[in-house]
Amino acid sequence: MFKTYDAVTLLIFAGRATAPHVSINSAVFGTPQGVAFDPNGNLWVLDPAGMVNGAATPALFEFTAAQLAALGTDNAPEPVAIITSTFLKSPRQAVIDVLGNAWLTDPVSNTVAAYTAAQLAQTGTNAIAPVLLISSAQFNGPSGIAFDSSGDIWISNNGIPAAAADQFGGGTTIIEITAAHIPALPEMGTSTPQVVSDVTLSDAGKANWLPGHRRRFLSSSAMRRR
């Protein structure tokens, strides 16, 4: 299944279909960006300008698996949960881990935020601060985010951070934070740790890594030769 969006509609494609299989035309959508499924099959949509209480607001919207199954008869459902926070400036992409915790990028605040499964389990409209707000000198408009099979996080930047300019000289970067260096999720409050990436890759094919991580890295030029 492939998912994309336009300004007010989330389109869901099935298999290799060239036309949308179904669509979500929710009134809460402003400029929907990233989407992610939790372990229960519920869909989360990140929207930097979602309509919350009549105002454009950075928000996370949840649609249940049951709502998705019923899109054929009701394609304009209201989200069962809405999360807002003053920490969210422009949520872009998200990944939800196997425990149901959500990790999302925010290029405007230049951070990666994390919400626990317990926070995501709340219904209704709630102002909830993330338990983790990660910053790094290697971040410059973090956008894409994904976990690999080792539990490491890979993050794509919109631009190259000033801290890496000497190594790369220009271009965009993809950085890796290994599982051992990902901060633990606190039980309460909002932790704001600074992290250093273990591997950094530029679109110019240049790389930088911390000691002991060279064997894990495959350069972009090597990938092009494969």
Protein backbone atom coordinates (compact mmCIF):
# COMPACT_ATOMS: atom_id res chain seq x y z
CA MET A 1 0.00 0.00 0.00
CA PHE A 2 1.33 3.43 -0.95
CA LYS A 3 0.23 6.61 0.77
CA THR A 4 0.57 10.21 -0.34
CA TYR A 5 -1.34 13.45 0.15
CA ASP A 6 -2.43 16.71 -1.32
CA ALA A 7 -3.29 19.88 0.59
CA VAL A 8 -6.53 18.63 2.12
CA THR A 9 -6.87 14.97 1.18
CA LEU A 10 -4.97 11.87 2.22
CA LEU A 11 -4.96 9.42 -0.68
CA ILE A 12 -4.49 5.70 -0.14
CA PHE A 13 -3.36 3.55 -3.05
CA ALA A 14 -3.69 -0.23 -3.09
CA GLY A 15 -0.95 -2.27 -4.73
CA ARG A 16 -0.03 -0.89 -8.16
CA ALA A 17 -3.29 1.01 -8.67
CA THR A 18 -2.87 4.27 -10.58
CA ALA A 19 -5.96 5.82 -9.01
CA PRO A 20 -6.54 6.20 -5.27
CA HIS A 21 -8.14 3.18 -3.63
CA VAL A 22 -9.78 5.39 -1.01
CA SER A 23 -9.21 8.88 0.36
CA ILE A 24 -9.58 10.67 3.68
CA ASN A 25 -11.16 14.10 3.32
CA SER A 26 -11.14 15.08 6.97
CA ALA A 27 -12.02 18.68 7.80
CA VAL A 28 -9.06 18.82 10.21
CA PHE A 29 -6.47 18.62 7.44
CA GLY A 30 -4.51 21.75 6.62
CA THR A 31 -1.23 20.62 5.03
CA PRO A 32 -0.88 16.95 6.02
CA GLN A 33 2.68 15.67 5.83
CA GLY A 34 3.93 12.39 7.30
CA VAL A 35 1.85 9.32 8.07
CA ALA A 36 2.60 6.31 10.27
CA PHE A 37 0.75 3.26 11.54
CA ASP A 38 0.93 2.14 15.16
CA PRO A 39 1.07 -1.55 16.16
CA ASN A 40 -2.75 -1.62 16.40
CA GLY A 41 -3.23 -0.52 12.80
CA ASN A 42 -4.30 3.02 13.66
CA LEU A 43 -3.14 5.78 11.31
CA TRP A 44 -1.37 8.89 12.59
CA VAL A 45 -1.15 11.98 10.38
CA LEU A 46 1.26 14.85 11.04
CA ASP A 47 -0.03 18.26 10.03
CA PRO A 48 1.86 21.56 10.55
CA ALA A 49 -1.37 23.51 9.96
CA GLY A 50 -4.13 21.23 11.16
CA MET A 51 -7.46 22.79 12.05
CA VAL A 52 -7.85 22.57 15.83
CA ASN A 53 -10.60 24.58 17.48
CA GLY A 54 -10.92 26.67 14.33
CA ALA A 55 -7.25 27.66 14.09
CA ALA A 56 -4.32 26.34 12.06
CA THR A 57 -2.24 24.42 14.59
CA PRO A 58 0.68 21.96 14.39
CA ALA A 59 -0.93 18.67 15.37
CA LEU A 60 -0.98 14.89 15.27
CA PHE A 61 -4.26 13.25 14.20
CA GLU A 62 -5.24 9.63 14.87
CA PHE A 63 -7.67 7.62 12.78
CA THR A 64 -8.53 4.12 13.99
CA ALA A 65 -8.24 0.92 11.99
CA ALA A 66 -12.04 0.68 12.12
CA GLN A 67 -12.38 4.16 10.60
CA LEU A 68 -9.96 3.22 7.84
CA ALA A 69 -11.92 0.06 7.10
CA ALA A 70 -15.08 2.14 6.74
CA LEU A 71 -13.67 4.76 4.36
CA GLY A 72 -15.73 3.30 1.54
CA THR A 73 -18.87 4.60 3.24
CA ASP A 74 -17.42 7.49 5.30
CA ASN A 75 -14.33 9.14 3.85
CA ALA A 76 -14.51 12.26 6.05
CA PRO A 77 -14.01 10.89 9.56
CA GLU A 78 -13.10 12.99 12.55
CA PRO A 79 -9.87 11.92 14.27
CA VAL A 80 -10.37 10.05 17.54
CA ALA A 81 -7.31 11.77 19.01
CA ILE A 82 -5.64 15.12 18.42
CA ILE A 83 -2.30 15.99 20.02
CA THR A 84 -0.91 19.51 20.07
CA SER A 85 2.08 20.97 21.87
CA THR A 86 3.99 24.24 22.04
CA PHE A 87 7.06 22.08 21.32
CA LEU A 88 5.65 21.19 17.89
CA LYS A 89 6.42 23.82 15.26
CA SER A 90 6.13 21.94 11.95
CA PRO A 91 5.91 18.14 12.43
CA ARG A 92 7.09 16.53 9.19
CA GLN A 93 7.61 12.75 9.30
CA ALA A 94 7.11 10.03 11.91
CA VAL A 95 8.00 6.45 12.64
CA ILE A 96 6.31 4.36 15.32
CA ASP A 97 8.42 1.65 16.93
CA VAL A 98 7.31 -1.87 17.86
CA LEU A 99 6.38 -0.69 21.36
CA GLY A 100 4.06 1.95 19.97
CA ASN A 101 6.24 4.98 20.74
CA ALA A 102 6.21 7.71 18.08
CA TRP A 103 9.37 9.48 16.90
CA LEU A 104 8.84 12.52 14.71
CA THR A 105 10.97 15.11 12.98
CA ASP A 106 10.39 18.83 13.12
CA PRO A 107 12.55 20.86 10.70
CA VAL A 108 11.43 24.22 12.10
CA SER A 109 12.32 23.46 15.73
CA ASN A 110 15.30 21.43 14.40
CA THR A 111 14.50 18.52 16.72
CA VAL A 112 13.28 14.95 16.90
CA ALA A 113 10.41 14.54 19.36
CA ALA A 114 9.19 11.32 20.96
CA TYR A 115 5.79 10.41 22.37
CA THR A 116 5.17 7.25 24.38
CA ALA A 117 2.53 4.67 23.53
CA ALA A 118 0.65 5.72 26.68
CA GLN A 119 0.50 9.31 25.46
CA LEU A 120 -0.76 8.19 22.05
CA ALA A 121 -3.45 6.06 23.74
CA GLN A 122 -5.33 9.15 24.97
CA THR A 123 -8.44 10.17 23.06
CA GLY A 124 -9.95 13.57 22.39
CA THR A 125 -8.04 16.81 21.93
CA ASN A 126 -5.07 17.15 24.26
CA ALA A 127 -2.08 19.46 24.61
CA ILE A 128 0.68 16.96 25.40
CA ALA A 129 4.39 17.69 25.54
CA PRO A 130 6.70 15.01 24.12
CA VAL A 131 8.73 13.11 26.70
CA LEU A 132 11.84 13.52 24.59
CA LEU A 133 13.02 16.44 22.46
CA ILE A 134 16.34 15.53 20.82
CA SER A 135 18.61 18.19 19.39
CA SER A 136 21.99 17.83 17.70
CA ALA A 137 24.63 19.93 16.01
CA GLN A 138 24.22 17.48 13.12
CA PHE A 139 20.56 18.46 12.61
CA ASN A 140 19.64 20.97 9.93
CA GLY A 141 15.95 20.73 9.16
CA PRO A 142 15.48 17.03 10.04
CA SER A 143 12.78 15.54 7.81
CA GLY A 144 12.78 11.82 6.97
CA ILE A 145 13.16 9.31 9.79
CA ALA A 146 13.35 5.51 9.97
CA PHE A 147 14.58 2.70 12.20
CA ASP A 148 16.76 -0.08 10.79
CA SER A 149 16.73 -3.71 11.89
CA SER A 150 19.35 -2.97 14.57
CA GLY A 151 17.22 -0.31 16.21
CA ASP A 152 19.35 2.56 14.93
CA ILE A 153 17.63 5.77 13.80
CA TRP A 154 18.39 7.28 10.39
CA ILE A 155 17.42 10.92 9.81
CA SER A 156 17.60 12.99 6.64
CA ASN A 157 18.37 16.70 6.81
CA ASN A 158 17.01 19.35 4.47
CA GLY A 159 20.42 21.04 4.53
CA ILE A 160 23.89 20.52 5.88
CA PRO A 161 24.54 21.53 9.49
CA ALA A 162 27.18 24.16 10.19
CA ALA A 163 28.96 21.70 12.47
CA ALA A 164 29.65 19.43 9.47
CA ALA A 165 30.59 22.12 6.95
CA ASP A 166 34.32 21.45 7.30
CA GLN A 167 33.86 17.75 6.58
CA PHE A 168 31.36 18.07 3.75
CA GLY A 169 31.53 21.59 2.37
CA GLY A 170 27.94 21.54 1.14
CA GLY A 171 24.97 19.41 0.19
CA THR A 172 22.45 17.60 2.33
CA THR A 173 23.11 14.93 4.91
CA ILE A 174 21.73 11.70 6.26
CA ILE A 175 22.75 10.86 9.79
CA GLU A 176 22.61 7.72 11.91
CA ILE A 177 22.17 7.53 15.68
CA THR A 178 22.85 4.02 16.92
CA ALA A 179 20.51 2.30 19.35
CA ALA A 180 23.13 2.57 22.10
CA HIS A 181 23.13 6.37 21.76
CA ILE A 182 19.37 6.94 21.46
CA PRO A 183 18.24 8.57 24.72
CA ALA A 184 15.85 6.57 26.87
CA LEU A 185 12.25 7.72 27.12
CA PRO A 186 11.62 9.30 30.54
CA GLU A 187 8.51 8.42 32.52
CA MET A 188 7.46 12.05 32.93
CA GLY A 189 8.43 15.56 31.94
CA THR A 190 10.26 16.52 28.76
CA SER A 191 13.92 15.57 28.47
CA THR A 192 15.97 17.68 26.04
CA PRO A 193 19.20 15.78 25.33
CA GLN A 194 21.89 16.75 22.84
CA VAL A 195 23.18 13.86 20.74
CA VAL A 196 26.02 13.33 18.28
CA SER A 197 25.40 11.21 15.20
CA ASP A 198 27.47 8.06 14.72
CA VAL A 199 27.53 8.23 10.90
CA THR A 200 26.92 11.16 8.57
CA LEU A 201 26.55 10.87 4.79
CA SER A 202 26.46 13.81 2.37
CA ASP A 203 24.96 13.82 -1.11
CA ALA A 204 28.45 14.55 -2.41
CA GLY A 205 29.49 11.03 -1.39
CA LYS A 206 31.55 12.16 1.60
CA ALA A 207 31.25 10.50 4.97
CA ASN A 208 32.08 11.02 8.60
CA TRP A 209 31.71 8.50 11.41
CA LEU A 210 32.61 8.09 15.04
CA PRO A 211 35.46 5.69 15.92
CA GLY A 212 34.36 2.06 15.75
CA HIS A 213 31.56 2.63 13.24
CA ARG A 214 33.48 2.61 9.96
CA ARG A 215 32.70 -1.03 9.24
CA ARG A 216 28.98 -0.26 9.38
CA PHE A 217 29.11 2.44 6.75
CA LEU A 218 28.56 2.11 3.01
CA SER A 219 29.37 5.29 1.09
CA SER A 220 26.97 6.71 -1.48
CA SER A 221 29.59 6.20 -4.22
CA ALA A 222 29.85 2.54 -3.26
CA MET A 223 26.07 2.25 -3.35
CA ARG A 224 26.02 3.75 -6.85
CA ARG A 225 28.51 1.10 -8.02
CA ARG A 226 26.36 -1.76 -6.76
